[in-house]
Amino acid sequence: MKVDANFDGGNIIVVDVKNPDNIRLKIRKDSQSDDHCQWFYFRLTGGKSTPCQFSIVNADQATYPEAWPTCTLVTSHDRQNWTRLSTQFKDRQLQFSLTPATDVVYVALFAPYSYERHQDLIAWSLSQRQCELFASYETPDNHQIEILKIAGAAQAPKSVWIIARQHPAETMAEWFMEGLLEALLGEERHLHQSVLATCNFYLVANMNPDGSVAGNLRTNGMGIDLNRAWLNPDKQQAPESHFVLQHMANTGVDLFLDIHGDEDVPFAFIQGCEGIPSYNDALQARERQFKAELANASGDFCVEDGYPACEPNEAPLNIAGFQIGARFNCLSLTLEMPFTDNKYRSDAVSGWSPQRSKLLGKHILAPIKSLFQKT
């Protein structure tokens, strides 16, 4: 048998694979960074019908070890359909058992979203009539960040910016963007012409392709956590944030959404921008209305808070959601999805999945439409 991760987004270090009863693995830290590790994605070859016992021996050194006691993984034989696999966190190791039905099986923390699929998504989007390439940037590792613009009316007054996957392991964020793009540009696009009459959408499906291809948890190819680099993005160290912020300055921002995943919190929720200097009762009311409208559209979204609110004037302005809200005096929200499942709508087979992420991406249009109809 063989274990490897020599492919796009792969991450694992083999300690010992000689005995199927005791396959020992380690998670590799982010490239250019000693601070982050949690994401893994690997394949087992040659284990058909063999009961295998896996241990990730450095799980206790992960960035979020508190997530392991309730963690479930995903496995697939075709990389199209992913099913859940239970684990246990024991003796400071993440342990799980698997008997492969075929000679190749893939195991990951969440269903991966490859750079190849990303390129397909961009190509399909740009083949649709209302979508154009607003700007693009070549990253230090020679990947592309694309800003897509979707506009219905020639003089749409509002600018909606939605970015995703600043943290590369949060692949559910790009699945979300795929669902959003399909809703805006696909067969149901006629349902959303009213929101396009008032808004121009600027969409970045993957903010961090270098980290995504490298199999990182949180950092780009320079070892920087992009979502801690928005106060004054360094053009050399955080060029992705620098590039996008420049274009935001040119268009203005009326609504900002930053799409993420959370390893520990078991439901989908939104963090607002409490704590920025300009936060007031009117902005709080708009946040609450947005969350209520999304909960009405999607049974998978919870109005419950997943993170504590910041105290007045204590928001960390290096984080995108707070920085953009403060800089543009706009509604600025960070949407988080679970890695495992929605505890309020549990699915033992699939858990939280690409399909549920995509559906939430589609449903985000309901509160956007409501927001700008009322302004």
Protein backbone atom coordinates (compact mmCIF):
# COMPACT_ATOMS: atom_id res chain seq x y z
CA MET A 1 0.00 0.00 0.00
CA LYS A 2 1.02 3.60 -0.55
CA VAL A 3 -0.13 6.95 0.88
CA ASP A 4 0.69 10.16 -0.97
CA ALA A 5 -0.51 13.73 -1.45
CA ASN A 6 1.38 14.66 -4.61
CA PHE A 7 -1.46 16.54 -6.25
CA ASP A 8 -3.22 19.91 -6.22
CA GLY A 9 -4.23 20.76 -2.67
CA GLY A 10 -2.69 17.63 -1.17
CA ASN A 11 -1.20 17.65 2.30
CA ILE A 12 0.19 14.74 4.32
CA ILE A 13 3.51 13.39 5.58
CA VAL A 14 3.87 9.62 5.77
CA VAL A 15 5.42 8.35 9.01
CA ASP A 16 4.74 4.63 8.56
CA VAL A 17 2.48 2.79 6.11
CA LYS A 18 3.90 -0.74 6.36
CA ASN A 19 1.21 -2.12 8.64
CA PRO A 20 -2.45 -1.49 7.64
CA ASP A 21 -3.40 -1.83 11.32
CA ASN A 22 -1.23 1.14 12.20
CA ILE A 23 -0.85 3.66 9.36
CA ARG A 24 0.81 6.71 10.91
CA LEU A 25 0.63 10.12 9.25
CA LYS A 26 1.41 13.77 10.01
CA ILE A 27 -0.14 17.00 8.75
CA ARG A 28 2.41 19.20 7.00
CA LYS A 29 2.58 22.81 8.16
CA ASP A 30 1.70 25.61 5.76
CA SER A 31 4.41 26.39 3.24
CA GLN A 32 6.63 29.28 4.40
CA SER A 33 4.91 29.21 7.81
CA ASP A 34 5.48 27.40 11.10
CA ASP A 35 2.23 28.63 12.64
CA HIS A 36 -0.52 26.72 10.88
CA CYS A 37 -1.52 23.13 10.21
CA GLN A 38 -4.89 21.36 10.13
CA TRP A 39 -5.84 20.69 6.53
CA PHE A 40 -5.05 17.30 5.05
CA TYR A 41 -5.93 15.62 1.77
CA PHE A 42 -4.32 12.37 0.66
CA ARG A 43 -4.92 9.12 -1.18
CA LEU A 44 -4.40 5.50 -0.24
CA THR A 45 -3.44 3.21 -3.12
CA GLY A 46 -3.48 -0.59 -3.10
CA GLY A 47 -5.70 -1.09 -0.06
CA LYS A 48 -8.81 -2.57 -1.65
CA SER A 49 -10.85 -4.64 0.85
CA THR A 50 -8.14 -4.22 3.51
CA PRO A 51 -9.22 -2.92 6.92
CA CYS A 52 -6.97 0.05 7.64
CA GLN A 53 -6.42 1.95 10.87
CA PHE A 54 -5.06 5.50 10.52
CA SER A 55 -3.52 7.79 13.12
CA ILE A 56 -2.57 11.42 12.54
CA VAL A 57 0.13 11.58 15.14
CA ASN A 58 0.57 15.38 15.36
CA ALA A 59 -3.13 16.24 15.60
CA ASP A 60 -2.63 17.78 19.04
CA GLN A 61 -0.26 20.32 17.45
CA ALA A 62 -2.89 21.53 14.96
CA THR A 63 -3.99 25.14 14.84
CA TYR A 64 -7.45 24.24 16.15
CA PRO A 65 -7.13 21.03 18.19
CA GLU A 66 -10.45 21.85 19.85
CA ALA A 67 -12.14 20.84 16.58
CA TRP A 68 -10.94 17.23 16.67
CA PRO A 69 -13.32 15.70 19.28
CA THR A 70 -16.32 16.33 17.00
CA CYS A 71 -14.49 15.99 13.68
CA THR A 72 -15.70 13.85 10.80
CA LEU A 73 -13.69 13.44 7.59
CA VAL A 74 -14.77 12.89 4.00
CA THR A 75 -13.75 10.03 1.71
CA SER A 76 -14.23 9.41 -1.99
CA HIS A 77 -13.28 6.84 -4.63
CA ASP A 78 -13.99 9.15 -7.57
CA ARG A 79 -13.39 12.67 -6.14
CA GLN A 80 -16.93 13.54 -7.19
CA ASN A 81 -18.98 12.03 -4.37
CA TRP A 82 -17.81 12.45 -0.78
CA THR A 83 -19.17 10.65 2.27
CA ARG A 84 -18.54 11.20 5.97
CA LEU A 85 -16.19 9.11 8.09
CA SER A 86 -16.20 9.17 11.89
CA THR A 87 -13.03 9.79 13.89
CA GLN A 88 -11.89 9.76 17.48
CA PHE A 89 -9.37 12.04 19.17
CA LYS A 90 -7.44 9.76 21.49
CA ASP A 91 -3.95 9.87 23.00
CA ARG A 92 -3.43 13.25 21.29
CA GLN A 93 -3.94 11.61 17.88
CA LEU A 94 -6.78 11.78 15.37
CA GLN A 95 -7.73 8.18 14.60
CA PHE A 96 -10.07 6.62 12.05
CA SER A 97 -10.73 3.30 10.31
CA LEU A 98 -11.42 2.66 6.64
CA THR A 99 -11.83 -0.39 4.43
CA PRO A 100 -11.51 0.85 0.83
CA ALA A 101 -13.92 -0.57 -1.74
CA THR A 102 -11.45 0.16 -4.55
CA ASP A 103 -7.69 0.32 -4.95
CA VAL A 104 -7.65 4.12 -4.73
CA VAL A 105 -9.46 6.10 -2.03
CA TYR A 106 -9.12 9.79 -1.15
CA VAL A 107 -9.41 11.21 2.36
CA ALA A 108 -9.75 14.91 3.22
CA LEU A 109 -10.85 17.26 5.96
CA PHE A 110 -13.53 18.61 3.59
CA ALA A 111 -14.38 18.07 -0.06
CA PRO A 112 -11.50 19.71 -2.00
CA TYR A 113 -11.95 22.40 -4.66
CA SER A 114 -9.12 22.06 -7.15
CA TYR A 115 -7.44 24.83 -9.10
CA GLU A 116 -8.49 22.98 -12.27
CA ARG A 117 -12.14 23.21 -11.18
CA HIS A 118 -11.55 26.88 -10.36
CA GLN A 119 -10.32 27.49 -13.90
CA ASP A 120 -13.40 25.71 -15.26
CA LEU A 121 -15.64 27.91 -13.11
CA ILE A 122 -13.99 31.10 -14.35
CA ALA A 123 -14.12 29.97 -17.98
CA TRP A 124 -17.80 29.03 -17.72
CA SER A 125 -18.69 32.30 -15.98
CA LEU A 126 -16.94 34.39 -18.62
CA SER A 127 -18.79 32.54 -21.37
CA GLN A 128 -22.07 33.91 -20.01
CA ARG A 129 -23.43 37.15 -21.44
CA GLN A 130 -23.55 39.31 -18.30
CA CYS A 131 -20.13 38.38 -16.92
CA GLU A 132 -16.84 40.08 -17.72
CA LEU A 133 -13.28 39.95 -16.45
CA PHE A 134 -13.00 43.18 -14.48
CA ALA A 135 -9.34 42.65 -13.51
CA SER A 136 -6.81 39.88 -12.95
CA TYR A 137 -3.57 39.49 -11.08
CA GLU A 138 -0.76 36.95 -11.38
CA THR A 139 0.33 35.71 -7.98
CA PRO A 140 3.94 35.08 -6.90
CA ASP A 141 3.49 31.38 -7.72
CA ASN A 142 2.10 32.20 -11.16
CA HIS A 143 -1.56 31.50 -10.51
CA GLN A 144 -4.36 33.91 -11.34
CA ILE A 145 -6.75 35.88 -9.18
CA GLU A 146 -9.73 36.99 -11.22
CA ILE A 147 -12.25 39.69 -10.31
CA LEU A 148 -15.46 38.93 -12.17
CA LYS A 149 -18.00 41.68 -12.77
CA ILE A 150 -21.66 40.84 -13.26
CA ALA A 151 -23.93 43.74 -14.15
CA GLY A 152 -27.46 43.87 -15.47
CA ALA A 153 -28.13 47.59 -15.77
CA ALA A 154 -25.82 50.10 -17.38
CA GLN A 155 -26.04 52.50 -14.43
CA ALA A 156 -26.50 50.14 -11.48
CA PRO A 157 -25.74 52.39 -8.50
CA LYS A 158 -24.62 49.85 -5.88
CA SER A 159 -21.36 47.90 -5.71
CA VAL A 160 -21.50 44.47 -4.08
CA TRP A 161 -18.13 42.83 -3.40
CA ILE A 162 -17.96 39.15 -2.45
CA ILE A 163 -14.64 37.41 -1.91
CA ALA A 164 -13.94 33.83 -0.85
CA ARG A 165 -11.27 31.42 0.31
CA GLN A 166 -8.76 33.81 1.82
CA HIS A 167 -7.92 30.72 3.87
CA PRO A 168 -7.22 28.01 1.28
CA ALA A 169 -8.40 25.01 3.34
CA GLU A 170 -11.88 26.54 3.57
CA THR A 171 -12.95 24.97 0.30
CA MET A 172 -16.64 25.26 1.18
CA ALA A 173 -16.18 28.96 0.47
CA GLU A 174 -15.43 28.33 -3.21
CA TRP A 175 -18.26 25.81 -3.45
CA PHE A 176 -20.45 28.66 -2.14
CA MET A 177 -19.15 30.93 -4.91
CA GLU A 178 -19.89 28.29 -7.53
CA GLY A 179 -23.49 28.18 -6.34
CA LEU A 180 -23.73 31.98 -6.39
CA LEU A 181 -22.30 32.23 -9.91
CA GLU A 182 -24.64 29.52 -11.20
CA ALA A 183 -27.60 31.38 -9.69
CA LEU A 184 -26.60 34.71 -11.26
CA LEU A 185 -25.55 33.37 -14.65
CA GLY A 186 -27.18 29.97 -15.16
CA GLU A 187 -30.65 28.79 -16.06
CA GLU A 188 -32.32 30.62 -13.17
CA ARG A 189 -30.63 33.96 -13.86
CA HIS A 190 -33.97 35.52 -14.89
CA LEU A 191 -35.05 35.25 -11.23
CA HIS A 192 -32.30 37.65 -10.20
CA GLN A 193 -32.57 40.41 -12.78
CA SER A 194 -34.18 42.75 -10.25
CA VAL A 195 -31.10 42.70 -8.02
CA LEU A 196 -28.84 43.15 -11.05
CA ALA A 197 -30.85 46.22 -11.96
CA THR A 198 -29.60 47.91 -8.79
CA CYS A 199 -26.21 46.24 -8.18
CA ASN A 200 -22.94 45.53 -9.87
CA PHE A 201 -21.40 42.36 -8.45
CA TYR A 202 -17.62 42.07 -8.11
CA LEU A 203 -16.73 38.48 -7.26
CA VAL A 204 -13.42 36.83 -6.34
CA ALA A 205 -13.99 33.07 -6.22
CA ASN A 206 -10.54 32.27 -4.78
CA MET A 207 -8.43 34.93 -3.08
CA ASN A 208 -5.57 32.54 -2.35
CA PRO A 209 -4.75 30.18 -5.24
CA ASP A 210 -1.10 29.82 -4.20
CA GLY A 211 -2.06 28.51 -0.77
CA SER A 212 -4.85 26.39 -2.26
CA VAL A 213 -2.57 24.52 -4.65
CA ALA A 214 0.08 24.14 -1.92
CA GLY A 215 -2.41 22.47 0.44
CA ASN A 216 -2.11 25.19 3.09
CA LEU A 217 -4.54 25.83 5.91
CA ARG A 218 -4.51 29.63 6.21
CA THR A 219 -1.57 31.25 4.42
CA ASN A 220 -0.59 32.36 0.94
CA GLY A 221 2.64 31.38 -0.82
CA MET A 222 4.53 34.00 1.21
CA GLY A 223 3.41 32.58 4.56
CA ILE A 224 0.91 35.38 5.22
CA ASP A 225 -2.61 34.97 6.58
CA LEU A 226 -4.41 37.22 4.10
CA ASN A 227 -7.30 37.84 6.46
CA ARG A 228 -4.88 39.52 8.85
CA ALA A 229 -3.37 41.78 6.19
CA TRP A 230 -6.06 44.32 5.26
CA LEU A 231 -5.08 47.36 7.31
CA ASN A 232 -2.34 48.30 4.89
CA PRO A 233 -1.63 45.29 2.64
CA ASP A 234 2.02 44.86 1.74
CA LYS A 235 2.37 44.56 -2.02
CA GLN A 236 5.15 41.97 -1.70
CA GLN A 237 3.87 39.85 1.18
CA ALA A 238 0.09 40.11 0.69
CA PRO A 239 -0.28 41.12 -2.97
CA GLU A 240 -3.69 39.42 -3.20
CA SER A 241 -5.26 41.72 -0.60
CA HIS A 242 -3.40 44.73 -2.02
CA PHE A 243 -4.71 44.04 -5.53
CA VAL A 244 -8.35 43.60 -4.49
CA LEU A 245 -8.36 46.59 -2.15
CA GLN A 246 -7.05 48.84 -4.94
CA HIS A 247 -9.99 47.91 -7.14
CA MET A 248 -12.46 48.32 -4.30
CA ALA A 249 -11.20 51.87 -3.91
CA ASN A 250 -11.99 52.51 -7.58
CA THR A 251 -15.56 51.15 -7.50
CA GLY A 252 -16.60 51.92 -3.94
CA VAL A 253 -18.29 49.27 -1.78
CA ASP A 254 -21.94 49.28 -0.66
CA LEU A 255 -21.98 45.69 0.58
CA PHE A 256 -19.04 43.41 1.36
CA LEU A 257 -19.25 39.68 2.03
CA ASP A 258 -16.21 37.59 2.96
CA ILE A 259 -16.91 33.84 2.70
CA HIS A 260 -15.15 31.42 5.08
CA GLY A 261 -15.40 28.09 6.88
CA ASP A 262 -14.93 27.42 10.59
CA GLU A 263 -13.31 24.20 11.80
CA ASP A 264 -15.12 24.14 15.14
CA VAL A 265 -18.49 25.95 15.08
CA PRO A 266 -21.16 23.48 13.87
CA PHE A 267 -23.49 25.80 11.96
CA ALA A 268 -23.47 28.54 9.32
CA PHE A 269 -23.52 32.07 10.69
CA ILE A 270 -22.53 35.68 9.98
CA GLN A 271 -20.18 37.90 11.93
CA GLY A 272 -20.96 41.58 11.56
CA CYS A 273 -18.60 44.51 12.03
CA GLU A 274 -19.39 45.46 15.60
CA GLY A 275 -16.50 47.37 17.07
CA ILE A 276 -15.53 49.51 14.06
CA PRO A 277 -15.48 53.26 14.81
CA SER A 278 -18.52 54.02 12.61
CA TYR A 279 -20.72 51.21 13.96
CA ASN A 280 -24.15 52.51 14.99
CA ASP A 281 -27.75 51.46 15.55
CA ALA A 282 -28.66 51.84 11.88
CA LEU A 283 -25.84 49.51 10.76
CA GLN A 284 -26.75 47.00 13.47
CA ALA A 285 -30.36 47.01 12.23
CA ARG A 286 -29.21 46.34 8.66
CA GLU A 287 -27.05 43.44 9.84
CA ARG A 288 -29.94 41.90 11.75
CA GLN A 289 -32.28 42.33 8.81
CA PHE A 290 -29.76 40.72 6.45
CA LYS A 291 -29.36 37.71 8.74
CA ALA A 292 -33.10 37.35 9.20
CA GLU A 293 -33.68 37.44 5.44
CA LEU A 294 -30.99 34.81 4.84
CA ALA A 295 -32.42 32.56 7.56
CA ASN A 296 -35.83 32.90 5.92
CA ALA A 297 -34.36 31.88 2.54
CA SER A 298 -32.14 29.06 3.82
CA GLY A 299 -32.89 26.51 6.51
CA ASP A 300 -29.14 25.94 6.79
CA PHE A 301 -28.35 29.44 8.04
CA CYS A 302 -28.51 30.40 11.73
CA VAL A 303 -28.99 33.92 13.07
CA GLU A 304 -27.14 32.68 16.17
CA ASP A 305 -23.74 34.29 16.68
CA GLY A 306 -20.73 32.03 16.30
CA TYR A 307 -18.14 34.49 17.63
CA PRO A 308 -18.31 37.03 20.49
CA ALA A 309 -19.06 40.57 19.38
CA CYS A 310 -16.22 43.08 19.55
CA GLU A 311 -16.42 45.84 22.11
CA PRO A 312 -16.94 49.40 20.77
CA ASN A 313 -13.90 50.69 18.88
CA GLU A 314 -11.97 47.46 19.50
CA ALA A 315 -12.50 45.69 16.16
CA PRO A 316 -9.24 44.38 14.64
CA LEU A 317 -9.03 46.49 11.50
CA ASN A 318 -6.46 44.20 9.88
CA ILE A 319 -9.30 41.69 9.25
CA ALA A 320 -11.17 42.15 5.96
CA GLY A 321 -14.72 42.35 7.31
CA PHE A 322 -13.85 45.06 9.82
CA GLN A 323 -11.48 46.98 7.56
CA ILE A 324 -13.87 47.19 4.62
CA GLY A 325 -16.79 48.18 6.85
CA ALA A 326 -14.71 50.95 8.41
CA ARG A 327 -13.03 52.15 5.22
CA PHE A 328 -16.17 52.31 3.07
CA ASN A 329 -18.77 52.88 5.80
CA CYS A 330 -20.80 50.00 4.42
CA LEU A 331 -22.53 46.82 5.53
CA SER A 332 -19.63 44.37 5.83
CA LEU A 333 -20.22 40.74 6.83
CA THR A 334 -18.15 37.60 7.26
CA LEU A 335 -20.07 34.41 6.50
CA GLU A 336 -18.80 31.19 8.08
CA MET A 337 -19.80 27.62 7.21
CA PRO A 338 -18.97 24.44 9.15
CA PHE A 339 -16.43 21.82 8.18
CA THR A 340 -18.44 18.97 9.67
CA ASP A 341 -22.21 19.45 9.82
CA ASN A 342 -25.02 21.80 10.77
CA LYS A 343 -26.00 20.60 14.21
CA TYR A 344 -29.54 21.90 13.65
CA ARG A 345 -30.00 19.94 10.39
CA SER A 346 -27.66 16.99 10.71
CA ASP A 347 -26.90 14.69 7.75
CA ALA A 348 -25.06 11.54 8.84
CA VAL A 349 -24.05 10.58 5.28
CA SER A 350 -22.84 13.86 3.81
CA GLY A 351 -22.66 16.30 6.72
CA TRP A 352 -21.95 19.80 5.53
CA SER A 353 -21.23 19.29 1.84
CA PRO A 354 -20.41 21.02 -1.43
CA GLN A 355 -24.10 20.84 -2.35
CA ARG A 356 -25.19 22.61 0.84
CA SER A 357 -22.46 25.22 0.39
CA LYS A 358 -23.62 25.90 -3.17
CA LEU A 359 -27.24 26.19 -2.09
CA LEU A 360 -26.32 28.75 0.55
CA GLY A 361 -24.47 30.67 -2.17
CA LYS A 362 -27.66 30.76 -4.19
CA HIS A 363 -29.76 31.82 -1.20
CA ILE A 364 -27.48 34.76 -0.34
CA LEU A 365 -29.16 36.66 -3.18
CA ALA A 366 -32.42 36.92 -1.23
CA PRO A 367 -31.10 39.25 1.50
CA ILE A 368 -29.03 41.21 -1.04
CA LYS A 369 -32.15 41.85 -3.07
CA SER A 370 -34.11 42.84 0.01
CA LEU A 371 -31.33 45.13 1.24
CA PHE A 372 -31.18 47.23 -1.89
CA GLN A 373 -34.89 47.31 -2.51
CA LYS A 374 -35.27 49.08 0.81
CA THR A 375 -32.48 51.62 0.35
